[in-house]
Each structure stands twice: as structure tokens, then as C-alpha cells.
Protein backbone atom coordinates (compact mmCIF):
# COMPACT_ATOMS: atom_id res chain seq x y z
CA UNK A 1 37.44 9.14 -11.35
CA UNK A 2 36.38 12.76 -11.45
CA UNK A 3 32.67 13.59 -11.69
CA UNK A 4 31.33 15.97 -14.29
CA UNK A 5 30.36 19.46 -13.01
CA UNK A 6 26.63 18.80 -13.43
CA UNK A 7 26.88 15.49 -11.59
CA UNK A 8 29.25 16.77 -8.91
CA UNK A 9 26.55 19.03 -7.46
CA UNK A 10 24.50 15.97 -6.48
CA UNK A 11 27.35 13.75 -5.30
CA UNK A 12 28.65 14.07 -1.74
CA UNK A 13 32.36 14.48 -1.13
CA UNK A 14 32.40 11.75 1.53
CA UNK A 15 34.09 9.05 -0.55
CA UNK A 16 30.87 7.62 -1.98
CA UNK A 17 31.14 4.46 -4.02
CA UNK A 18 32.93 5.31 -7.28
CA UNK A 19 30.09 3.67 -9.25
CA UNK A 20 27.78 6.47 -8.08
CA UNK A 21 30.24 9.12 -9.23
CA UNK A 22 30.30 8.01 -12.86
CA UNK A 23 29.11 10.43 -15.51
CA UNK A 24 25.69 9.90 -17.15
CA UNK A 25 27.45 8.61 -20.29
CA UNK A 26 29.11 5.81 -18.32
CA UNK A 27 28.15 2.24 -19.24
CA UNK A 28 27.11 1.78 -15.59
CA UNK A 29 24.89 4.88 -15.42
CA UNK A 30 21.74 2.86 -16.04
CA UNK A 31 22.50 0.39 -13.24
CA UNK A 32 19.76 0.46 -10.63
CA UNK A 33 20.85 1.74 -7.22
CA UNK A 34 20.16 0.02 -3.91
CA UNK A 35 18.51 1.54 -0.85
CA UNK A 36 21.95 1.64 0.82
CA UNK A 37 23.50 3.54 -2.10
CA UNK A 38 20.68 6.09 -2.26
CA UNK A 39 20.78 6.60 1.52
CA UNK A 40 24.53 7.23 1.40
CA UNK A 41 24.16 9.56 -1.62
CA UNK A 42 21.43 11.63 0.05
CA UNK A 43 23.02 11.51 3.50
CA UNK A 44 19.94 9.99 5.13
CA UNK A 45 19.10 6.69 6.82
CA UNK A 46 18.05 3.58 4.94
CA UNK A 47 14.74 3.79 6.84
CA UNK A 48 14.13 7.30 5.41
CA UNK A 49 14.75 6.08 1.85
CA UNK A 50 12.46 3.08 2.33
CA UNK A 51 9.72 5.21 3.91
CA UNK A 52 9.81 7.78 1.11
CA UNK A 53 9.90 5.11 -1.58
CA UNK A 54 6.83 3.36 -0.20
CA UNK A 55 4.43 5.80 1.42
CA UNK A 56 5.64 9.18 2.67
CA UNK A 57 5.86 12.55 0.99
CA UNK A 58 7.97 13.61 -0.69
CA UNK A 59 7.73 10.40 -2.68
CA UNK A 60 11.08 9.03 -3.81
CA UNK A 61 10.61 7.37 -7.24
CA UNK A 62 11.64 3.73 -7.32
CA UNK A 63 11.43 0.47 -9.23
CA UNK A 64 9.95 -2.50 -7.39
CA UNK A 65 11.01 -5.98 -8.43
CA UNK A 66 8.88 -8.14 -6.16
CA UNK A 67 10.17 -7.38 -2.68
CA UNK A 68 13.30 -5.69 -4.03
CA UNK A 69 13.35 -1.89 -4.27
CA UNK A 70 15.81 -0.18 -6.61
CA UNK A 71 16.27 3.37 -7.90
CA UNK A 72 17.16 4.97 -11.22
CA UNK A 73 19.98 7.51 -10.93
CA UNK A 74 18.22 10.03 -13.22
CA UNK A 75 15.04 9.92 -11.13
CA UNK A 76 16.99 10.50 -7.91
CA UNK A 77 18.83 13.44 -9.52
CA UNK A 78 15.44 14.89 -10.61
CA UNK A 79 14.09 14.36 -7.09
CA UNK A 80 17.04 16.31 -5.66
CA UNK A 81 16.62 19.18 -8.14
CA UNK A 82 12.85 19.37 -7.66
CA UNK A 83 13.02 19.45 -3.89
CA UNK A 84 15.96 21.84 -3.81
CA UNK A 85 13.91 24.27 -5.94
CA UNK A 86 10.74 23.86 -3.89
CA UNK A 87 12.70 24.60 -0.72
CA UNK A 88 14.41 27.65 -2.20
CA UNK A 89 17.90 26.17 -2.06
CA UNK A 90 18.60 25.89 -5.79
């Protein structure tokens, strides 16, 4: 499945799970993402994602369901855009 131009800018070309490459209008776009999926998407370790979702800056927005941590795709995309701008790379 091909990603939309707006979504393609935030999706790596490394064969990431096709569920992460769906357009925002997809029925699966509101599915919460796991730490593993976010780490793969951002190209960082799972430890980095966990650290930034729990206590470090920049804070990575997340949803906590007891001991389970999940992420909303739209919030991760906003995080990417915000930090790309603040670092002068957007």
C-alpha cells in the first residue's frame, strides 16, 4: 500500500509494518501503537521511547492503560513535526 504524501514524510522507507503506513482515513488509523512500533517508526531504541514516554524531555505523548503504554499515531506525527521545527530541520 502506498502512503499519502503528507504521511510519507514521517514514515521510514525501511519496510515498516504496513499498518503504520496506512493513510489517516484508514479504518486502522486510530489503532494505538506499541512501543516497538514507535521505536521502529522513529528509528530509535525501545528504551528511548519508554524513557521519553515516562520521564525525559522531549516528552513523547502516550496513553497508559495500567502498566501498558500505547501511542496515538496523530500525537507521534505532531511530536515529529514539533521537534523537527524546533531543531531547524523542517
